[in-house]
Amino acid sequence: MKDLLMIGASGHGRVVADLAEQTGKYREVFFLDDCIERIGSWFAGRKVLGTSAYAMEHVKDYEIFIAVGHSAVRERLMEQLEAVHAVIPVLVHPSAVVARDVSIGSGSVVMAGVVVNSGAHLGQGVIVNTCSSVDHDCVVEDFVHIAVGAHVAGTVHIGRPTWIGAGATVSNNLTIVDQVMLGAGAVAVKDLLSSGTYAGVPAKRMADREERS
């Protein structure tokens, strides 16, 4: 049984650290954070050992997970960790329901109350947040964040590193390109084929709304 280093002493990191402990796979969980003032302090009952550089220096001693909400930061840290051959786990909450044939890339987390159905694929560094769902045969590319209570219907392809906002819904058989932000509570009923921010019911690209106003 190994210890786990959790990069990101934040609210998201707190939740992921608790999840990791609930899996029963780790002896202890420690935090790392690039805010220098936090080093040596305690966060959520766990010691902050150092910055993210500490992970690179102690790569053989721990499994390492990136609990950072910002997708570009997750991607950068993932590349650095892979370059030094770090063990980057997949974390799945014990209460999540994940079909046996689902594939999940390293550094992804599946939170409490999530359902991921048969034939789905989650890439690297994906966050499937609390009580959200990804239905059958979906492809969720690297570093996507499916926020709290969002629901993705079957056979949807979501490009990297798209953000599906809290409580949003994506109808079945749709394509969402890279670099999309679907706002909280929005409902996508057509393909989202241009990068940008979408909002409303049905979801429309914000730039298009502004041009018509």
C-alpha atoms as a PDB file:
ATOM      1  CA  MET A   1       0.000   0.000   0.000  1.00  0.00           C
ATOM      2  CA  LYS A   2       1.475   3.324  -1.113  1.00  0.00           C
ATOM      3  CA  ASP A   3       1.059   6.928  -0.023  1.00  0.00           C
ATOM      4  CA  LEU A   4      -0.589   9.388  -2.409  1.00  0.00           C
ATOM      5  CA  LEU A   5       0.540  12.911  -3.249  1.00  0.00           C
ATOM      6  CA  MET A   6      -2.369  15.199  -4.134  1.00  0.00           C
ATOM      7  CA  ILE A   7      -1.373  18.282  -6.132  1.00  0.00           C
ATOM      8  CA  GLY A   8      -3.815  21.076  -5.284  1.00  0.00           C
ATOM      9  CA  ALA A   9      -4.692  22.115  -1.722  1.00  0.00           C
ATOM     10  CA  SER A  10      -8.093  23.513  -2.627  1.00  0.00           C
ATOM     11  CA  GLY A  11     -11.764  22.681  -2.284  1.00  0.00           C
ATOM     12  CA  HIS A  12     -11.535  20.299  -5.235  1.00  0.00           C
ATOM     13  CA  GLY A  13      -8.399  18.754  -3.751  1.00  0.00           C
ATOM     14  CA  ARG A  14     -10.154  18.254  -0.416  1.00  0.00           C
ATOM     15  CA  VAL A  15     -12.939  16.280  -2.106  1.00  0.00           C
ATOM     16  CA  VAL A  16     -10.542  14.171  -4.185  1.00  0.00           C
ATOM     17  CA  ALA A  17      -8.351  13.428  -1.152  1.00  0.00           C
ATOM     18  CA  ASP A  18     -11.387  12.195   0.768  1.00  0.00           C
ATOM     19  CA  LEU A  19     -12.377  10.070  -2.230  1.00  0.00           C
ATOM     20  CA  ALA A  20      -8.882   8.560  -2.404  1.00  0.00           C
ATOM     21  CA  GLU A  21      -9.008   7.616   1.261  1.00  0.00           C
ATOM     22  CA  GLN A  22     -12.428   6.015   0.816  1.00  0.00           C
ATOM     23  CA  THR A  23     -11.052   3.688  -1.866  1.00  0.00           C
ATOM     24  CA  GLY A  24      -8.890   2.049   0.822  1.00  0.00           C
ATOM     25  CA  LYS A  25      -5.910   1.903  -1.540  1.00  0.00           C
ATOM     26  CA  TYR A  26      -3.649   4.408   0.211  1.00  0.00           C
ATOM     27  CA  ARG A  27      -1.860   4.463   3.537  1.00  0.00           C
ATOM     28  CA  GLU A  28      -1.790   8.266   3.712  1.00  0.00           C
ATOM     29  CA  VAL A  29      -2.663  11.210   1.475  1.00  0.00           C
ATOM     30  CA  PHE A  30      -0.463  14.326   1.443  1.00  0.00           C
ATOM     31  CA  PHE A  31      -0.983  17.630  -0.349  1.00  0.00           C
ATOM     32  CA  LEU A  32       1.293  19.636  -2.606  1.00  0.00           C
ATOM     33  CA  ASP A  33       0.554  23.202  -3.657  1.00  0.00           C
ATOM     34  CA  ASP A  34       2.421  25.848  -5.635  1.00  0.00           C
ATOM     35  CA  CYS A  35       1.343  28.573  -3.201  1.00  0.00           C
ATOM     36  CA  ILE A  36       4.585  28.881  -1.213  1.00  0.00           C
ATOM     37  CA  GLU A  37       2.796  30.132   1.919  1.00  0.00           C
ATOM     38  CA  ARG A  38       0.970  26.807   2.284  1.00  0.00           C
ATOM     39  CA  ILE A  39       4.087  24.623   2.438  1.00  0.00           C
ATOM     40  CA  GLY A  40       4.469  22.993   5.837  1.00  0.00           C
ATOM     41  CA  SER A  41       0.905  23.834   6.838  1.00  0.00           C
ATOM     42  CA  TRP A  42      -2.052  21.490   7.191  1.00  0.00           C
ATOM     43  CA  PHE A  43      -5.041  21.453   4.857  1.00  0.00           C
ATOM     44  CA  ALA A  44      -8.148  19.340   5.475  1.00  0.00           C
ATOM     45  CA  GLY A  45      -6.201  17.417   8.106  1.00  0.00           C
ATOM     46  CA  ARG A  46      -3.354  16.546   5.741  1.00  0.00           C
ATOM     47  CA  LYS A  47       0.192  17.932   5.571  1.00  0.00           C
ATOM     48  CA  VAL A  48       1.233  20.151   2.633  1.00  0.00           C
ATOM     49  CA  LEU A  49       4.695  18.748   1.922  1.00  0.00           C
ATOM     50  CA  GLY A  50       5.857  21.112  -0.816  1.00  0.00           C
ATOM     51  CA  THR A  51       5.190  22.461  -4.287  1.00  0.00           C
ATOM     52  CA  SER A  52       4.424  20.367  -7.360  1.00  0.00           C
ATOM     53  CA  ALA A  53       8.208  20.115  -7.878  1.00  0.00           C
ATOM     54  CA  TYR A  54       8.292  17.824  -4.835  1.00  0.00           C
ATOM     55  CA  ALA A  55       6.345  15.256  -6.856  1.00  0.00           C
ATOM     56  CA  MET A  56       8.965  15.235  -9.606  1.00  0.00           C
ATOM     57  CA  GLU A  57      11.732  14.736  -7.036  1.00  0.00           C
ATOM     58  CA  HIS A  58      10.005  11.885  -5.165  1.00  0.00           C
ATOM     59  CA  VAL A  59       8.329  10.176  -8.092  1.00  0.00           C
ATOM     60  CA  LYS A  60       9.370   6.666  -6.982  1.00  0.00           C
ATOM     61  CA  ASP A  61       7.975   7.036  -3.471  1.00  0.00           C
ATOM     62  CA  TYR A  62       4.335   7.892  -4.168  1.00  0.00           C
ATOM     63  CA  GLU A  63       1.447   7.649  -6.528  1.00  0.00           C
ATOM     64  CA  ILE A  64       0.615  11.178  -7.669  1.00  0.00           C
ATOM     65  CA  PHE A  65      -2.725  12.749  -8.556  1.00  0.00           C
ATOM     66  CA  ILE A  66      -3.473  16.221  -9.943  1.00  0.00           C
ATOM     67  CA  ALA A  67      -6.505  17.684  -8.170  1.00  0.00           C
ATOM     68  CA  VAL A  68      -6.615  20.995 -10.034  1.00  0.00           C
ATOM     69  CA  GLY A  69      -9.783  22.270 -11.697  1.00  0.00           C
ATOM     70  CA  HIS A  70      -8.028  24.378 -14.358  1.00  0.00           C
ATOM     71  CA  SER A  71      -7.642  22.115 -17.397  1.00  0.00           C
ATOM     72  CA  ALA A  72      -4.515  23.788 -18.813  1.00  0.00           C
ATOM     73  CA  VAL A  73      -2.729  23.403 -15.470  1.00  0.00           C
ATOM     74  CA  ARG A  74      -3.827  19.755 -15.226  1.00  0.00           C
ATOM     75  CA  GLU A  75      -2.479  19.104 -18.711  1.00  0.00           C
ATOM     76  CA  ARG A  76       0.872  20.812 -18.026  1.00  0.00           C
ATOM     77  CA  LEU A  77       1.407  18.920 -14.784  1.00  0.00           C
ATOM     78  CA  MET A  78       0.358  15.646 -16.394  1.00  0.00           C
ATOM     79  CA  GLU A  79       2.973  16.083 -19.122  1.00  0.00           C
ATOM     80  CA  GLN A  80       5.644  16.786 -16.515  1.00  0.00           C
ATOM     81  CA  LEU A  81       4.712  13.745 -14.448  1.00  0.00           C
ATOM     82  CA  GLU A  82       4.571  11.435 -17.454  1.00  0.00           C
ATOM     83  CA  ALA A  83       8.043  12.612 -18.479  1.00  0.00           C
ATOM     84  CA  VAL A  84       9.447  11.287 -15.184  1.00  0.00           C
ATOM     85  CA  HIS A  85       7.360   8.074 -15.359  1.00  0.00           C
ATOM     86  CA  ALA A  86       5.125   8.871 -12.387  1.00  0.00           C
ATOM     87  CA  VAL A  87       2.360   6.490 -11.377  1.00  0.00           C
ATOM     88  CA  ILE A  88      -0.797   8.545 -11.960  1.00  0.00           C
ATOM     89  CA  PRO A  89      -3.873   6.623 -10.810  1.00  0.00           C
ATOM     90  CA  VAL A  90      -7.521   6.676 -11.803  1.00  0.00           C
ATOM     91  CA  LEU A  91      -9.688   7.522  -8.786  1.00  0.00           C
ATOM     92  CA  VAL A  92     -13.283   6.283  -8.620  1.00  0.00           C
ATOM     93  CA  HIS A  93     -15.521   6.905  -5.619  1.00  0.00           C
ATOM     94  CA  PRO A  94     -16.903   3.669  -4.114  1.00  0.00           C
ATOM     95  CA  SER A  95     -20.470   4.933  -4.631  1.00  0.00           C
ATOM     96  CA  ALA A  96     -20.000   5.583  -8.370  1.00  0.00           C
ATOM     97  CA  VAL A  97     -21.561   3.138 -10.842  1.00  0.00           C
ATOM     98  CA  VAL A  98     -19.131   2.475 -13.694  1.00  0.00           C
ATOM     99  CA  ALA A  99     -19.864  -0.226 -16.281  1.00  0.00           C
ATOM    100  CA  ARG A 100     -17.234  -2.956 -16.570  1.00  0.00           C
ATOM    101  CA  ASP A 101     -16.308  -2.101 -20.163  1.00  0.00           C
ATOM    102  CA  VAL A 102     -15.735   1.613 -19.561  1.00  0.00           C
ATOM    103  CA  SER A 103     -12.176   2.777 -20.269  1.00  0.00           C
ATOM    104  CA  ILE A 104     -10.713   5.574 -18.147  1.00  0.00           C
ATOM    105  CA  GLY A 105      -7.405   7.339 -18.766  1.00  0.00           C
ATOM    106  CA  SER A 106      -4.800   8.070 -16.101  1.00  0.00           C
ATOM    107  CA  GLY A 107      -5.348  11.055 -13.849  1.00  0.00           C
ATOM    108  CA  SER A 108      -9.135  10.999 -14.203  1.00  0.00           C
ATOM    109  CA  VAL A 109     -11.521  11.145 -11.264  1.00  0.00           C
ATOM    110  CA  VAL A 110     -15.090   9.858 -11.006  1.00  0.00           C
ATOM    111  CA  MET A 111     -16.838  11.400  -8.011  1.00  0.00           C
ATOM    112  CA  ALA A 112     -19.562  10.259  -5.628  1.00  0.00           C
ATOM    113  CA  GLY A 113     -22.952   9.415  -7.122  1.00  0.00           C
ATOM    114  CA  VAL A 114     -21.724   9.362 -10.730  1.00  0.00           C
ATOM    115  CA  VAL A 115     -22.993   6.897 -13.347  1.00  0.00           C
ATOM    116  CA  VAL A 116     -20.867   6.023 -16.385  1.00  0.00           C
ATOM    117  CA  ASN A 117     -22.584   3.551 -18.656  1.00  0.00           C
ATOM    118  CA  SER A 118     -21.432   0.793 -20.973  1.00  0.00           C
ATOM    119  CA  GLY A 119     -19.120   1.543 -23.873  1.00  0.00           C
ATOM    120  CA  ALA A 120     -18.093   4.993 -22.635  1.00  0.00           C
ATOM    121  CA  HIS A 121     -14.497   6.194 -22.851  1.00  0.00           C
ATOM    122  CA  LEU A 122     -13.003   8.833 -20.578  1.00  0.00           C
ATOM    123  CA  GLY A 123      -9.630  10.245 -21.578  1.00  0.00           C
ATOM    124  CA  GLN A 124      -6.775  11.422 -19.368  1.00  0.00           C
ATOM    125  CA  GLY A 125      -7.266  14.034 -16.680  1.00  0.00           C
ATOM    126  CA  VAL A 126     -11.066  13.995 -16.918  1.00  0.00           C
ATOM    127  CA  ILE A 127     -13.229  15.159 -14.006  1.00  0.00           C
ATOM    128  CA  VAL A 128     -16.689  13.597 -13.776  1.00  0.00           C
ATOM    129  CA  ASN A 129     -18.038  15.505 -10.824  1.00  0.00           C
ATOM    130  CA  THR A 130     -20.568  14.710  -8.099  1.00  0.00           C
ATOM    131  CA  CYS A 131     -23.903  13.163  -9.178  1.00  0.00           C
ATOM    132  CA  SER A 132     -23.286  13.675 -12.910  1.00  0.00           C
ATOM    133  CA  SER A 133     -23.681  11.014 -15.588  1.00  0.00           C
ATOM    134  CA  VAL A 134     -22.133   9.896 -18.854  1.00  0.00           C
ATOM    135  CA  ASP A 135     -24.290   7.473 -20.810  1.00  0.00           C
ATOM    136  CA  HIS A 136     -23.474   4.630 -23.182  1.00  0.00           C
ATOM    137  CA  ASP A 137     -20.874   4.884 -25.961  1.00  0.00           C
ATOM    138  CA  CYS A 138     -19.786   8.437 -25.172  1.00  0.00           C
ATOM    139  CA  VAL A 139     -16.248   9.615 -25.898  1.00  0.00           C
ATOM    140  CA  VAL A 140     -15.015  12.212 -23.424  1.00  0.00           C
ATOM    141  CA  GLU A 141     -11.629  13.514 -24.538  1.00  0.00           C
ATOM    142  CA  ASP A 142      -8.673  14.465 -22.334  1.00  0.00           C
ATOM    143  CA  PHE A 143      -9.044  17.116 -19.607  1.00  0.00           C
ATOM    144  CA  VAL A 144     -12.802  17.563 -19.966  1.00  0.00           C
ATOM    145  CA  HIS A 145     -14.691  18.576 -16.806  1.00  0.00           C
ATOM    146  CA  ILE A 146     -18.271  17.390 -16.443  1.00  0.00           C
ATOM    147  CA  ALA A 147     -19.468  19.488 -13.524  1.00  0.00           C
ATOM    148  CA  VAL A 148     -21.766  18.695 -10.616  1.00  0.00           C
ATOM    149  CA  GLY A 149     -25.164  17.341 -11.668  1.00  0.00           C
ATOM    150  CA  ALA A 150     -24.528  17.538 -15.417  1.00  0.00           C
ATOM    151  CA  HIS A 151     -25.888  14.787 -17.657  1.00  0.00           C
ATOM    152  CA  VAL A 152     -24.522  13.584 -20.986  1.00  0.00           C
ATOM    153  CA  ALA A 153     -26.841  11.304 -22.984  1.00  0.00           C
ATOM    154  CA  GLY A 154     -25.680   8.395 -25.124  1.00  0.00           C
ATOM    155  CA  THR A 155     -23.234   8.468 -28.044  1.00  0.00           C
ATOM    156  CA  VAL A 156     -21.908  11.981 -27.452  1.00  0.00           C
ATOM    157  CA  HIS A 157     -18.372  13.009 -28.424  1.00  0.00           C
ATOM    158  CA  ILE A 158     -16.898  15.786 -26.266  1.00  0.00           C
ATOM    159  CA  GLY A 159     -13.656  17.440 -27.405  1.00  0.00           C
ATOM    160  CA  ARG A 160     -10.807  18.481 -25.141  1.00  0.00           C
ATOM    161  CA  PRO A 161     -10.731  20.345 -22.750  1.00  0.00           C
ATOM    162  CA  THR A 162     -14.418  21.239 -22.782  1.00  0.00           C
ATOM    163  CA  TRP A 163     -16.303  22.206 -19.616  1.00  0.00           C
ATOM    164  CA  ILE A 164     -19.877  20.969 -19.189  1.00  0.00           C
ATOM    165  CA  GLY A 165     -21.329  23.278 -16.523  1.00  0.00           C
ATOM    166  CA  ALA A 166     -23.220  22.358 -13.370  1.00  0.00           C
ATOM    167  CA  GLY A 167     -26.674  20.987 -14.114  1.00  0.00           C
ATOM    168  CA  ALA A 168     -26.203  21.161 -17.888  1.00  0.00           C
ATOM    169  CA  THR A 169     -27.694  18.523 -20.195  1.00  0.00           C
ATOM    170  CA  VAL A 170     -26.292  17.230 -23.475  1.00  0.00           C
ATOM    171  CA  SER A 171     -28.770  15.383 -25.696  1.00  0.00           C
ATOM    172  CA  ASN A 172     -27.850  12.116 -27.378  1.00  0.00           C
ATOM    173  CA  ASN A 173     -25.813  11.613 -30.579  1.00  0.00           C
ATOM    174  CA  LEU A 174     -24.155  15.045 -30.476  1.00  0.00           C
ATOM    175  CA  THR A 175     -20.637  16.283 -31.180  1.00  0.00           C
ATOM    176  CA  ILE A 176     -19.055  19.008 -29.063  1.00  0.00           C
ATOM    177  CA  VAL A 177     -15.767  20.328 -30.432  1.00  0.00           C
ATOM    178  CA  ASP A 178     -12.642  21.273 -28.453  1.00  0.00           C
ATOM    179  CA  GLN A 179     -12.555  24.331 -26.191  1.00  0.00           C
ATOM    180  CA  VAL A 180     -16.270  24.673 -25.451  1.00  0.00           C
ATOM    181  CA  MET A 181     -17.786  25.936 -22.219  1.00  0.00           C
ATOM    182  CA  LEU A 182     -21.419  24.900 -21.813  1.00  0.00           C
ATOM    183  CA  GLY A 183     -22.927  27.091 -19.111  1.00  0.00           C
ATOM    184  CA  ALA A 184     -24.639  25.936 -15.940  1.00  0.00           C
ATOM    185  CA  GLY A 185     -28.158  24.659 -16.620  1.00  0.00           C
ATOM    186  CA  ALA A 186     -27.778  24.899 -20.401  1.00  0.00           C
ATOM    187  CA  VAL A 187     -29.294  22.256 -22.671  1.00  0.00           C
ATOM    188  CA  ALA A 188     -27.429  21.230 -25.836  1.00  0.00           C
ATOM    189  CA  VAL A 189     -29.802  19.760 -28.440  1.00  0.00           C
ATOM    190  CA  LYS A 190     -27.604  20.302 -31.535  1.00  0.00           C
ATOM    191  CA  ASP A 191     -23.937  19.760 -32.316  1.00  0.00           C
ATOM    192  CA  LEU A 192     -21.699  22.490 -30.881  1.00  0.00           C
ATOM    193  CA  LEU A 193     -19.261  22.898 -33.751  1.00  0.00           C
ATOM    194  CA  SER A 194     -17.500  26.155 -32.864  1.00  0.00           C
ATOM    195  CA  SER A 195     -15.300  26.707 -29.833  1.00  0.00           C
ATOM    196  CA  GLY A 196     -16.645  29.209 -27.322  1.00  0.00           C
ATOM    197  CA  THR A 197     -19.168  29.692 -24.550  1.00  0.00           C
ATOM    198  CA  TYR A 198     -22.727  28.422 -24.896  1.00  0.00           C
ATOM    199  CA  ALA A 199     -25.690  29.164 -22.638  1.00  0.00           C
ATOM    200  CA  GLY A 200     -29.440  28.866 -22.483  1.00  0.00           C
ATOM    201  CA  VAL A 201     -32.203  26.432 -23.383  1.00  0.00           C
ATOM    202  CA  PRO A 202     -31.540  25.466 -26.082  1.00  0.00           C
ATOM    203  CA  ALA A 203     -27.841  26.290 -25.809  1.00  0.00           C
ATOM    204  CA  LYS A 204     -26.551  28.994 -28.157  1.00  0.00           C
ATOM    205  CA  ARG A 205     -23.082  30.397 -28.617  1.00  0.00           C
ATOM    206  CA  MET A 206     -22.729  33.665 -26.712  1.00  0.00           C
ATOM    207  CA  ALA A 207     -21.003  35.509 -29.577  1.00  0.00           C
ATOM    208  CA  ASP A 208     -23.934  34.629 -31.844  1.00  0.00           C
ATOM    209  CA  ARG A 209     -26.386  35.990 -29.275  1.00  0.00           C
ATOM    210  CA  GLU A 210     -24.430  39.258 -29.037  1.00  0.00           C
ATOM    211  CA  GLU A 211     -24.318  39.688 -32.837  1.00  0.00           C
ATOM    212  CA  ARG A 212     -28.119  39.436 -33.061  1.00  0.00           C
ATOM    213  CA  SER A 213     -28.780  41.866 -30.195  1.00  0.00           C
END
